[in-house]
Amino acid sequence: MCNEAARRISLGQIREDWSQIKIPLLFPEGAPNMAPLDSIRITDPTVIIRAAASDAPGNALAAELVTRRWSWPLTSGPGGGKPLYNLRSEGRRFGNSASGGRCLIPVDGFYEFTAPEPGQKRKTKWIFTPAADGPLAGDYLCIAGVWRTHESVGEAFTMLTGTPGPDVAPYHARQVVLLPRARWADWIAGTIPSADLIAPTPAGSLVAARA
């Protein structure tokens, strides 16, 4: 399960990409200071992109970029409960409402871990990034997620997981759901059934390297 990611992409690049797909990108809380981060972990804040609270002129779809906490408590109790940072996508429907909905989490790459190699005590850490000529080619990846309002932490998000594609399967039995650029708007709009958008990542989409 993904419990760590890297985000070094600039705000300017995200703005340019959403401009190219002709979706206005709004900043209702102001443009964030997106310092490059080699490690984002559970409970850390990072940026997400979701459908804007108000549409663009002519009722067109608009997106908004805000900073939110990764994970919300799964159960109540001392310390706020266990954090829910990954959510299985199978058998669930994800839509949009005033208290929660779909989002995208832009990252440069995500990490997975395998068993320690002979003579090593720590697990081997791998980072997965988009292949230069693959279906997800670009400067960064967009992970499908959902956000919700939680009474103890406010608005927070979790990453969706599904069946791994061939690039990740040798390393882990699950994979975060990745969406190609052509599906970004469809995901945040919430009008197309989530099951029609979620699928294993095709072979040749990702490159794995020791981190």
Protein backbone atom coordinates (compact mmCIF):
# COMPACT_ATOMS: atom_id res chain seq x y z
CA MET A 1 0.00 0.00 0.00
CA CYS A 2 1.24 3.47 -0.78
CA ASN A 3 2.16 5.37 2.38
CA GLU A 4 4.71 7.78 0.92
CA ALA A 5 5.02 9.92 -2.21
CA ALA A 6 7.23 12.64 -3.67
CA ARG A 7 6.01 15.99 -4.99
CA ARG A 8 8.52 18.28 -6.66
CA ILE A 9 6.32 19.59 -9.47
CA SER A 10 5.91 23.36 -9.65
CA LEU A 11 2.61 25.17 -9.40
CA GLY A 12 3.35 26.77 -12.76
CA GLN A 13 3.51 23.37 -14.47
CA ILE A 14 0.19 22.29 -12.98
CA ARG A 15 -1.39 25.55 -14.13
CA GLU A 16 -0.06 25.02 -17.65
CA ASP A 17 -1.36 21.46 -17.87
CA TRP A 18 -4.89 22.41 -16.81
CA SER A 19 -4.80 25.31 -19.23
CA GLN A 20 -3.94 22.87 -22.02
CA ILE A 21 -6.96 20.69 -21.25
CA LYS A 22 -9.06 23.88 -21.12
CA ILE A 23 -10.23 23.52 -17.53
CA PRO A 24 -9.96 26.71 -15.42
CA LEU A 25 -7.84 26.06 -12.32
CA LEU A 26 -8.86 28.20 -9.34
CA PHE A 27 -7.17 28.89 -6.00
CA PRO A 28 -9.96 29.66 -3.51
CA GLU A 29 -7.50 29.74 -0.60
CA GLY A 30 -4.71 31.47 -2.52
CA ALA A 31 -1.85 29.97 -4.52
CA PRO A 32 0.10 27.62 -2.20
CA ASN A 33 3.83 27.67 -1.63
CA MET A 34 4.68 24.36 -3.26
CA ALA A 35 8.19 23.71 -2.00
CA PRO A 36 9.62 20.52 -3.53
CA LEU A 37 9.14 17.54 -1.22
CA ASP A 38 10.97 14.23 -1.57
CA SER A 39 8.71 12.65 1.02
CA ILE A 40 5.03 13.16 1.78
CA ARG A 41 3.76 10.79 4.44
CA ILE A 42 0.46 9.93 6.09
CA THR A 43 -1.09 12.94 7.91
CA ASP A 44 1.13 15.38 5.96
CA PRO A 45 -0.58 18.14 3.97
CA THR A 46 -0.24 18.31 0.19
CA VAL A 47 -2.18 19.74 -2.73
CA ILE A 48 -5.23 18.12 -4.27
CA ILE A 49 -7.34 19.11 -7.27
CA ARG A 50 -11.12 18.76 -7.21
CA ALA A 51 -14.21 20.21 -8.87
CA ALA A 52 -14.58 23.86 -7.92
CA ALA A 53 -17.43 24.83 -5.63
CA SER A 54 -18.67 27.19 -8.36
CA ASP A 55 -18.54 26.38 -12.05
CA ALA A 56 -16.82 28.45 -14.69
CA PRO A 57 -18.92 30.83 -16.82
CA GLY A 58 -21.58 29.03 -18.81
CA ASN A 59 -21.79 26.23 -16.21
CA ALA A 60 -18.57 24.72 -17.53
CA LEU A 61 -16.43 22.57 -15.26
CA ALA A 62 -13.80 24.38 -13.21
CA ALA A 63 -11.18 22.84 -10.93
CA GLU A 64 -9.72 24.12 -7.70
CA LEU A 65 -6.37 23.42 -6.06
CA VAL A 66 -6.25 23.36 -2.26
CA THR A 67 -3.94 21.93 0.40
CA ARG A 68 -5.36 19.15 2.55
CA ARG A 69 -4.21 16.49 4.99
CA TRP A 70 -3.46 12.99 3.69
CA SER A 71 -5.72 10.60 5.66
CA TRP A 72 -8.54 10.98 8.11
CA PRO A 73 -9.09 8.91 11.26
CA LEU A 74 -10.83 5.63 10.50
CA THR A 75 -12.20 5.19 14.01
CA SER A 76 -12.77 7.43 16.99
CA GLY A 77 -10.81 6.98 20.18
CA PRO A 78 -7.61 8.11 21.90
CA GLY A 79 -5.34 9.88 19.47
CA GLY A 80 -8.09 10.21 16.88
CA GLY A 81 -8.03 6.62 15.63
CA LYS A 82 -6.15 4.77 12.89
CA PRO A 83 -5.59 6.92 9.77
CA LEU A 84 -7.32 5.92 6.54
CA TYR A 85 -4.74 6.76 3.88
CA ASN A 86 -5.56 4.14 1.20
CA LEU A 87 -9.05 3.01 0.21
CA ARG A 88 -9.91 -0.02 -1.91
CA SER A 89 -11.76 1.06 -5.04
CA GLU A 90 -13.37 -2.28 -5.84
CA GLY A 91 -17.11 -2.46 -5.30
CA ARG A 92 -17.47 1.20 -4.38
CA ARG A 93 -19.03 4.19 -6.09
CA PHE A 94 -17.49 7.62 -5.76
CA GLY A 95 -19.37 10.80 -6.55
CA ASN A 96 -19.31 14.43 -5.43
CA SER A 97 -21.19 16.22 -2.67
CA ALA A 98 -20.78 19.28 -0.47
CA SER A 99 -19.10 17.19 2.24
CA GLY A 100 -16.86 15.03 0.08
CA GLY A 101 -16.07 13.76 -3.36
CA ARG A 102 -13.46 12.89 -5.94
CA CYS A 103 -10.05 14.50 -6.19
CA LEU A 104 -6.68 14.10 -7.87
CA ILE A 105 -3.38 14.09 -6.02
CA PRO A 106 -0.48 15.33 -8.20
CA VAL A 107 2.83 13.66 -7.33
CA ASP A 108 6.17 13.15 -9.06
CA GLY A 109 6.23 9.56 -7.92
CA PHE A 110 5.06 7.11 -5.27
CA TYR A 111 7.06 4.67 -3.18
CA GLU A 112 6.69 0.96 -2.55
CA PHE A 113 8.81 -1.39 -0.46
CA THR A 114 9.99 -4.96 -0.99
CA ALA A 115 11.63 -7.47 1.33
CA PRO A 116 15.20 -6.69 2.44
CA GLU A 117 17.89 -7.98 0.14
CA PRO A 118 20.40 -10.54 1.48
CA GLY A 119 22.61 -8.91 4.08
CA GLN A 120 20.31 -5.91 4.51
CA LYS A 121 18.01 -5.18 7.45
CA ARG A 122 15.79 -2.55 5.92
CA LYS A 123 13.26 -3.12 3.17
CA THR A 124 14.24 -2.07 -0.33
CA LYS A 125 12.56 1.20 -1.27
CA TRP A 126 11.41 1.88 -4.85
CA ILE A 127 10.04 4.99 -6.48
CA PHE A 128 7.66 4.74 -9.43
CA THR A 129 7.62 7.63 -11.91
CA PRO A 130 5.98 8.10 -15.33
CA ALA A 131 7.77 6.47 -18.26
CA ALA A 132 8.88 9.05 -20.82
CA ASP A 133 7.01 7.44 -23.72
CA GLY A 134 4.27 5.64 -21.82
CA PRO A 135 0.52 6.18 -21.46
CA LEU A 136 1.10 8.42 -18.43
CA ALA A 137 4.00 10.40 -19.92
CA GLY A 138 4.38 13.84 -18.39
CA ASP A 139 6.11 15.70 -15.61
CA TYR A 140 4.04 14.09 -12.87
CA LEU A 141 1.31 11.58 -12.03
CA CYS A 142 -2.24 12.17 -10.87
CA ILE A 143 -3.50 9.66 -8.30
CA ALA A 144 -7.26 9.22 -8.01
CA GLY A 145 -8.50 9.99 -4.53
CA VAL A 146 -11.51 11.03 -2.50
CA TRP A 147 -11.83 13.76 0.08
CA ARG A 148 -14.27 14.14 2.92
CA THR A 149 -14.97 16.32 5.93
CA HIS A 150 -14.08 14.69 9.24
CA GLU A 151 -15.16 16.13 12.55
CA SER A 152 -11.72 15.91 14.12
CA VAL A 153 -9.40 16.94 11.25
CA GLY A 154 -11.58 18.91 8.84
CA GLU A 155 -11.25 18.18 5.14
CA ALA A 156 -8.80 15.39 4.31
CA PHE A 157 -8.18 12.94 1.47
CA THR A 158 -7.24 9.33 0.85
CA MET A 159 -5.72 7.64 -2.19
CA LEU A 160 -7.65 4.94 -4.02
CA THR A 161 -6.04 1.58 -4.69
CA GLY A 162 -6.82 -1.22 -7.12
CA THR A 163 -5.35 -4.15 -8.98
CA PRO A 164 -1.71 -3.41 -9.85
CA GLY A 165 -0.61 -3.02 -13.44
CA PRO A 166 2.28 -5.09 -14.86
CA ASP A 167 4.84 -2.42 -13.86
CA VAL A 168 3.94 -2.58 -10.15
CA ALA A 169 2.76 -6.19 -9.74
CA PRO A 170 6.29 -7.60 -9.20
CA TYR A 171 6.71 -5.21 -6.26
CA HIS A 172 3.30 -5.08 -4.57
CA ALA A 173 -0.11 -6.75 -4.68
CA ARG A 174 -1.94 -3.39 -4.71
CA GLN A 175 -1.40 -0.09 -6.53
CA VAL A 176 -2.68 3.46 -6.28
CA VAL A 177 -5.15 4.26 -9.06
CA LEU A 178 -3.52 6.47 -11.70
CA LEU A 179 -5.49 8.47 -14.24
CA PRO A 180 -4.20 9.62 -17.65
CA ARG A 181 -4.52 13.29 -18.54
CA ALA A 182 -7.45 12.59 -20.84
CA ARG A 183 -9.44 11.41 -17.80
CA TRP A 184 -8.58 14.11 -15.26
CA ALA A 185 -11.64 16.24 -15.98
CA ASP A 186 -13.93 13.18 -16.11
CA TRP A 187 -12.77 12.09 -12.68
CA ILE A 188 -13.25 15.35 -10.82
CA ALA A 189 -16.54 16.14 -12.60
CA GLY A 190 -18.11 13.08 -11.00
CA THR A 191 -20.55 12.47 -13.85
CA ILE A 192 -18.98 9.29 -15.26
CA PRO A 193 -19.27 6.22 -12.99
CA SER A 194 -16.02 5.71 -11.11
CA ALA A 195 -15.88 2.05 -12.16
CA ASP A 196 -15.65 3.17 -15.80
CA LEU A 197 -12.53 5.22 -15.05
CA ILE A 198 -10.64 2.94 -12.67
CA ALA A 199 -8.45 0.29 -14.29
CA PRO A 200 -4.99 -1.27 -13.84
CA THR A 201 -2.21 0.87 -15.25
CA PRO A 202 -1.09 -0.41 -18.68
CA ALA A 203 2.37 -1.95 -19.10
CA GLY A 204 5.08 0.56 -19.88
CA SER A 205 3.41 3.37 -17.92
CA LEU A 206 5.85 3.49 -15.01
CA VAL A 207 9.55 3.22 -14.34
CA ALA A 208 10.80 1.76 -11.05
CA ALA A 209 14.09 2.86 -9.49
CA ARG A 210 15.75 2.36 -6.14
CA ALA A 211 15.04 5.30 -3.88
